[in-house]
Amino acid sequence: MKFSEVAIVIPTFRRTEILIQCLRQLPCSEQDLDVIVTDDGDAELTRQALHQEFPRVTVVQGPQKGPAANRNCGAKATTAPLLIFLDDDCIPSPDLVERYSRFADENPGIDVFEGRITAIGKRKGFADYCPDNETGGHLWSCNFAIRHALFDKIGGFDEHFPFAANEDMALYLRAKSESLVKFLPDAQVRHAWQRRSGAKPLRHAGLSTLLFIQLYYPDHIQARVRSHLHAAARTAIITLSAHIREHAFADPLHYFRRIAYDLKIAIVAAGWSHRAGLSRFLFPPCCNGCNQILTQLASPRDHPVIYPDQG
């Protein structure tokens, strides 16, 4: 597969310095390779910051409706048959584009390719997060490739989700119903641990998870109750043990927040007919995105997507 048949889509939002670090690892000077930066902040400022070092990178203005809509915006800016999605805070391996394009060329019957994500640095506390993926089974949005035709067929990222939470899982469910998802360990990015302390990140994740249940698992609510009760127990025991081994004790309050997060979701799922009121009480809104999700939870499901492997 030639570079002219590949496009890299990188969403960003007011993070020019780390975006530049990501772009420096990519073959941005290749004349036939589309590199699309879609900026949900000020695209003109980003364009000016990149122009001298990366004159061939295309910067487009994002719709400012969240990461899902921003990635879709980037995909619309290219006609390349293969889309590679990265995040601006990742450091891709130098041969990442070659790995994806070669495997896609050699396997025309596969439309979705899952890249490897390796954590760098050391976890220091309970609020530290990294979307590591060393063995496959995840389609995290910071490193994967998909043929453009399938991406369009399944409707791209689900723009019902205003936050960076569950929108990639929603895409994964729809993509794997159409194609085998192949894990490519050599298509690697490195991702540093990030501190996500406080109640706000878990509030956004919790509301996104409840919306994900409504849109994609409406007939398996009780299974979701059990799943999140088990997740709370794993955090209480297994996650604590891992932090003890690693001497990662910063933000101890966040340990209890993480347990409460799954317990709250289980409570809402158990009382699903009252989900809107329970969600508002347990995850009080802090922004327009929260209110957007709460409005959707109060409405009948309008996005009927059911898959045979759900449960």
Protein backbone atom coordinates (compact mmCIF):
# COMPACT_ATOMS: atom_id res chain seq x y z
CA MET A 1 0.00 0.00 0.00
CA LYS A 2 1.42 3.37 -1.02
CA PHE A 3 1.56 6.39 1.26
CA SER A 4 -0.96 8.04 -1.07
CA GLU A 5 -3.51 5.52 0.18
CA VAL A 6 -2.94 6.26 3.88
CA ALA A 7 -4.04 9.14 6.10
CA ILE A 8 -3.13 9.82 9.72
CA VAL A 9 -5.81 11.60 11.76
CA ILE A 10 -4.74 13.31 14.98
CA PRO A 11 -7.29 15.21 17.10
CA THR A 12 -5.98 17.94 19.37
CA PHE A 13 -7.14 20.69 21.68
CA ARG A 14 -4.75 23.41 22.82
CA ARG A 15 -1.76 21.07 23.17
CA THR A 16 0.62 22.25 20.46
CA GLU A 17 3.83 21.30 22.28
CA ILE A 18 2.97 17.63 22.74
CA LEU A 19 1.38 17.51 19.27
CA ILE A 20 4.73 18.56 17.79
CA GLN A 21 6.49 15.75 19.68
CA CYS A 22 4.07 13.28 18.13
CA LEU A 23 4.44 14.69 14.60
CA ARG A 24 8.24 14.53 14.77
CA GLN A 25 8.01 10.74 14.91
CA LEU A 26 5.91 10.52 11.74
CA PRO A 27 6.98 10.72 8.06
CA CYS A 28 5.25 14.08 7.65
CA SER A 29 7.54 15.11 4.81
CA GLU A 30 6.28 12.33 2.53
CA GLN A 31 4.51 14.09 -0.31
CA ASP A 32 1.84 11.41 -0.75
CA LEU A 33 0.96 10.89 2.93
CA ASP A 34 -2.04 12.75 4.33
CA VAL A 35 -1.48 13.93 7.91
CA ILE A 36 -4.63 15.58 9.24
CA VAL A 37 -4.62 17.50 12.52
CA THR A 38 -8.16 18.35 13.55
CA ASP A 39 -8.17 21.03 16.23
CA ASP A 40 -11.14 21.57 18.54
CA GLY A 41 -9.51 24.76 19.82
CA ASP A 42 -8.11 27.39 17.47
CA ALA A 43 -7.02 25.73 14.24
CA GLU A 44 -5.43 28.90 12.89
CA LEU A 45 -3.07 29.19 15.86
CA THR A 46 -2.11 25.54 15.47
CA ARG A 47 -1.62 25.99 11.74
CA GLN A 48 0.76 28.86 12.38
CA ALA A 49 2.68 26.87 15.00
CA LEU A 50 3.17 23.89 12.66
CA HIS A 51 3.70 25.60 9.34
CA GLN A 52 7.47 26.07 9.43
CA GLU A 53 8.41 22.56 10.60
CA PHE A 54 5.46 20.65 9.11
CA PRO A 55 4.34 22.47 5.96
CA ARG A 56 2.64 19.37 4.55
CA VAL A 57 0.43 18.75 7.59
CA THR A 58 -3.19 19.76 7.03
CA VAL A 59 -4.85 21.49 9.99
CA VAL A 60 -8.65 21.66 10.01
CA GLN A 61 -10.99 23.34 12.45
CA GLY A 62 -12.82 20.84 14.64
CA PRO A 63 -16.57 21.19 15.30
CA GLN A 64 -16.02 21.69 19.07
CA LYS A 65 -18.51 18.96 19.95
CA GLY A 66 -16.14 16.55 21.66
CA PRO A 67 -13.46 14.02 20.63
CA ALA A 68 -15.80 11.73 18.64
CA ALA A 69 -17.01 14.56 16.42
CA ASN A 70 -13.47 15.91 16.15
CA ARG A 71 -12.08 12.59 14.86
CA ASN A 72 -14.94 12.30 12.37
CA CYS A 73 -14.08 15.78 11.15
CA GLY A 74 -10.50 14.71 10.49
CA ALA A 75 -11.63 11.61 8.58
CA LYS A 76 -13.83 13.76 6.33
CA ALA A 77 -10.79 15.83 5.35
CA THR A 78 -9.18 12.96 3.42
CA THR A 79 -10.15 10.40 0.78
CA ALA A 80 -7.31 7.99 1.60
CA PRO A 81 -8.52 4.35 1.72
CA LEU A 82 -6.78 3.61 5.05
CA LEU A 83 -7.21 5.80 8.15
CA ILE A 84 -4.73 5.65 11.04
CA PHE A 85 -6.01 7.29 14.22
CA LEU A 86 -3.50 8.54 16.79
CA ASP A 87 -3.72 10.92 19.75
CA ASP A 88 -1.52 13.97 20.14
CA ASP A 89 -0.05 12.71 23.43
CA CYS A 90 1.34 9.49 21.92
CA ILE A 91 4.85 8.86 20.65
CA PRO A 92 4.53 6.55 17.60
CA SER A 93 7.26 4.16 16.54
CA PRO A 94 9.13 5.39 13.45
CA ASP A 95 7.82 2.54 11.29
CA LEU A 96 4.20 2.66 12.51
CA VAL A 97 2.75 3.87 9.20
CA GLU A 98 4.75 1.28 7.27
CA ARG A 99 3.56 -1.51 9.58
CA TYR A 100 -0.10 -0.61 9.17
CA SER A 101 0.07 -0.01 5.43
CA ARG A 102 2.01 -3.20 4.70
CA PHE A 103 -0.30 -5.42 6.73
CA ALA A 104 -3.41 -3.81 5.24
CA ASP A 105 -2.00 -4.35 1.74
CA GLU A 106 -1.22 -8.02 2.46
CA ASN A 107 -4.61 -8.72 4.10
CA PRO A 108 -7.36 -7.20 1.93
CA GLY A 109 -10.02 -9.19 3.78
CA ILE A 110 -9.34 -7.44 7.10
CA ASP A 111 -10.58 -3.89 7.62
CA VAL A 112 -9.63 -3.05 11.22
CA PHE A 113 -6.15 -3.10 12.77
CA GLU A 114 -5.44 -2.63 16.46
CA GLY A 115 -2.09 -1.15 17.44
CA ARG A 116 0.03 -1.74 20.51
CA ILE A 117 0.13 0.88 23.29
CA THR A 118 2.98 0.75 25.77
CA ALA A 119 3.05 2.71 29.02
CA ILE A 120 6.16 4.76 29.68
CA GLY A 121 7.26 6.14 32.99
CA LYS A 122 6.06 4.96 36.37
CA ARG A 123 2.62 4.95 37.89
CA LYS A 124 2.78 7.04 41.05
CA GLY A 125 -0.73 7.01 42.42
CA PHE A 126 -4.35 5.91 42.26
CA ALA A 127 -5.35 8.69 39.86
CA ASP A 128 -2.70 7.81 37.27
CA TYR A 129 -4.07 6.45 34.00
CA CYS A 130 -2.63 5.00 30.80
CA PRO A 131 -4.58 3.22 28.01
CA ASP A 132 -1.94 0.49 27.68
CA ASN A 133 -2.68 -2.36 25.27
CA GLU A 134 0.11 -4.92 25.10
CA THR A 135 -1.80 -8.02 24.02
CA GLY A 136 -4.83 -6.79 22.07
CA GLY A 137 -8.52 -6.93 22.83
CA HIS A 138 -8.99 -3.15 22.89
CA LEU A 139 -9.48 -0.65 20.11
CA TRP A 140 -8.33 2.43 21.98
CA SER A 141 -8.67 5.50 19.79
CA CYS A 142 -5.06 6.58 20.32
CA ASN A 143 -3.67 3.87 18.02
CA PHE A 144 -5.66 1.93 15.46
CA ALA A 145 -6.29 1.79 11.72
CA ILE A 146 -9.48 1.19 9.78
CA ARG A 147 -10.33 1.17 6.11
CA HIS A 148 -12.13 4.36 5.17
CA ALA A 149 -14.97 2.50 3.48
CA LEU A 150 -15.84 0.59 6.66
CA PHE A 151 -15.44 3.69 8.82
CA ASP A 152 -18.04 5.45 6.67
CA LYS A 153 -20.30 2.40 6.55
CA ILE A 154 -20.57 2.15 10.34
CA GLY A 155 -20.98 5.90 10.74
CA GLY A 156 -17.58 6.72 12.24
CA PHE A 157 -17.34 7.59 15.91
CA ASP A 158 -20.67 7.92 17.72
CA GLU A 159 -21.18 11.64 18.30
CA HIS A 160 -23.71 11.01 21.05
CA PHE A 161 -20.63 10.91 23.34
CA PRO A 162 -19.32 14.41 24.21
CA PHE A 163 -16.36 13.18 26.30
CA ALA A 164 -13.29 11.03 25.64
CA ALA A 165 -14.92 7.97 27.20
CA ASN A 166 -16.67 5.00 25.58
CA GLU A 167 -16.77 6.54 22.10
CA ASP A 168 -13.97 4.19 21.04
CA MET A 169 -15.70 1.17 22.61
CA ALA A 170 -18.83 2.05 20.66
CA LEU A 171 -16.81 2.13 17.45
CA TYR A 172 -15.18 -1.19 18.37
CA LEU A 173 -18.55 -2.91 18.77
CA ARG A 174 -19.77 -1.71 15.39
CA ALA A 175 -16.46 -2.37 13.61
CA LYS A 176 -16.01 -5.94 14.85
CA SER A 177 -19.53 -6.81 13.70
CA GLU A 178 -18.30 -6.10 10.15
CA SER A 179 -14.68 -7.26 10.17
CA LEU A 180 -12.04 -9.25 12.00
CA VAL A 181 -9.99 -6.93 14.21
CA LYS A 182 -6.29 -7.82 13.90
CA PHE A 183 -3.81 -6.91 16.63
CA LEU A 184 -0.45 -5.65 15.31
CA PRO A 185 2.12 -5.57 18.15
CA ASP A 186 4.71 -3.93 15.90
CA ALA A 187 2.44 -0.95 15.17
CA GLN A 188 3.36 0.63 18.48
CA VAL A 189 2.94 3.92 20.26
CA ARG A 190 4.23 4.87 23.69
CA HIS A 191 1.95 6.69 26.10
CA ALA A 192 2.95 8.33 29.37
CA TRP A 193 1.00 7.89 32.58
CA GLN A 194 -1.36 10.82 33.16
CA ARG A 195 -2.78 12.13 36.42
CA ARG A 196 -6.60 12.36 36.38
CA SER A 197 -7.42 13.29 39.94
CA GLY A 198 -10.59 14.76 41.38
CA ALA A 199 -14.22 13.87 40.84
CA LYS A 200 -14.66 15.43 37.39
CA PRO A 201 -12.92 12.75 35.24
CA LEU A 202 -14.88 9.96 36.91
CA ARG A 203 -18.12 11.93 36.61
CA HIS A 204 -17.60 12.28 32.86
CA ALA A 205 -16.60 8.63 32.53
CA GLY A 206 -19.56 7.48 34.61
CA LEU A 207 -22.14 9.39 32.60
CA SER A 208 -20.51 8.20 29.36
CA THR A 209 -20.68 4.61 30.58
CA LEU A 210 -24.37 4.94 31.43
CA LEU A 211 -25.05 6.37 27.98
CA PHE A 212 -23.06 3.51 26.45
CA ILE A 213 -25.28 1.03 28.30
CA GLN A 214 -28.41 2.78 27.05
CA LEU A 215 -27.27 2.90 23.43
CA TYR A 216 -25.51 -0.44 23.10
CA TYR A 217 -26.61 -2.77 25.93
CA PRO A 218 -30.26 -1.90 26.60
CA ASP A 219 -31.30 -5.55 26.80
CA HIS A 220 -28.51 -6.64 29.14
CA ILE A 221 -28.90 -4.25 32.06
CA GLN A 222 -28.57 -6.86 34.79
CA ALA A 223 -25.34 -8.10 33.25
CA ARG A 224 -24.03 -4.54 33.54
CA VAL A 225 -24.97 -4.52 37.25
CA ARG A 226 -22.91 -7.66 37.84
CA SER A 227 -20.05 -6.39 35.70
CA HIS A 228 -19.64 -3.16 37.64
CA LEU A 229 -19.99 -4.84 41.02
CA HIS A 230 -17.16 -7.16 39.98
CA ALA A 231 -15.15 -4.15 38.78
CA ALA A 232 -15.55 -2.45 42.16
CA ALA A 233 -14.34 -5.62 43.90
CA ARG A 234 -11.34 -5.87 41.56
CA THR A 235 -10.38 -2.28 42.31
CA ALA A 236 -10.75 -2.86 46.04
CA ILE A 237 -8.51 -5.93 46.04
CA ILE A 238 -6.44 -6.41 42.87
CA THR A 239 -5.80 -2.76 42.06
CA LEU A 240 -4.85 -2.04 45.66
CA SER A 241 -2.41 -4.96 45.62
CA ALA A 242 -0.80 -3.65 42.42
CA HIS A 243 -0.33 -0.20 43.93
CA ILE A 244 1.21 -1.72 47.04
CA ARG A 245 3.70 -3.66 44.91
CA GLU A 246 4.57 -0.52 42.91
CA HIS A 247 4.62 1.81 45.95
CA ALA A 248 2.20 4.05 44.04
CA PHE A 249 0.24 5.72 46.83
CA ALA A 250 -0.39 9.28 45.58
CA ASP A 251 -4.03 10.47 45.61
CA PRO A 252 -5.30 7.80 48.05
CA LEU A 253 -8.78 9.39 48.01
CA HIS A 254 -9.02 8.47 44.34
CA TYR A 255 -8.86 4.79 45.29
CA PHE A 256 -12.21 5.17 47.04
CA ARG A 257 -13.57 7.32 44.20
CA ARG A 258 -12.79 4.52 41.73
CA ILE A 259 -14.65 1.96 43.85
CA ALA A 260 -17.58 4.34 44.25
CA TYR A 261 -17.59 4.96 40.49
CA ASP A 262 -18.45 1.34 39.67
CA LEU A 263 -20.86 1.04 42.59
CA LYS A 264 -22.75 4.11 41.38
CA ILE A 265 -23.07 2.70 37.87
CA ALA A 266 -24.32 -0.59 39.32
CA ILE A 267 -26.93 1.30 41.37
CA VAL A 268 -28.19 3.22 38.33
CA ALA A 269 -28.31 0.03 36.26
CA ALA A 270 -30.20 -1.78 39.04
CA GLY A 271 -32.80 1.00 39.05
CA TRP A 272 -32.70 1.48 35.28
CA SER A 273 -36.26 2.71 34.91
CA HIS A 274 -35.22 5.69 37.07
CA ARG A 275 -31.82 6.12 35.41
CA ALA A 276 -32.16 9.84 34.62
CA GLY A 277 -32.88 10.87 38.21
CA LEU A 278 -30.36 8.44 39.72
CA SER A 279 -27.67 9.55 37.28
CA ARG A 280 -28.24 13.21 38.05
CA PHE A 281 -28.07 12.50 41.80
CA LEU A 282 -25.01 10.23 41.75
CA PHE A 283 -23.14 12.06 38.95
CA PRO A 284 -24.23 15.71 39.37
CA PRO A 285 -23.59 17.65 36.16
CA CYS A 286 -20.73 20.12 35.91
CA CYS A 287 -20.88 21.20 32.26
CA ASN A 288 -22.90 21.18 29.05
CA GLY A 289 -21.56 17.74 28.14
CA CYS A 290 -22.94 16.28 31.38
CA ASN A 291 -26.34 17.85 30.73
CA GLN A 292 -26.29 16.57 27.16
CA ILE A 293 -25.85 13.00 28.39
CA LEU A 294 -28.48 13.40 31.12
CA THR A 295 -30.96 14.62 28.50
CA GLN A 296 -30.27 11.52 26.42
CA LEU A 297 -30.67 9.25 29.45
CA ALA A 298 -34.08 10.81 30.10
CA SER A 299 -35.20 10.04 26.55
CA PRO A 300 -36.12 6.75 24.90
CA ARG A 301 -33.21 5.04 23.15
CA ASP A 302 -32.90 6.49 19.63
CA HIS A 303 -29.81 4.63 18.48
CA PRO A 304 -30.85 0.96 18.06
CA VAL A 305 -27.58 -0.95 17.83
CA ILE A 306 -27.73 -4.56 19.04
CA TYR A 307 -25.03 -7.17 18.46
CA PRO A 308 -25.24 -10.94 19.00
CA ASP A 309 -22.17 -11.07 21.27
CA GLN A 310 -23.44 -8.52 23.76
CA GLY A 311 -24.20 -9.68 27.26
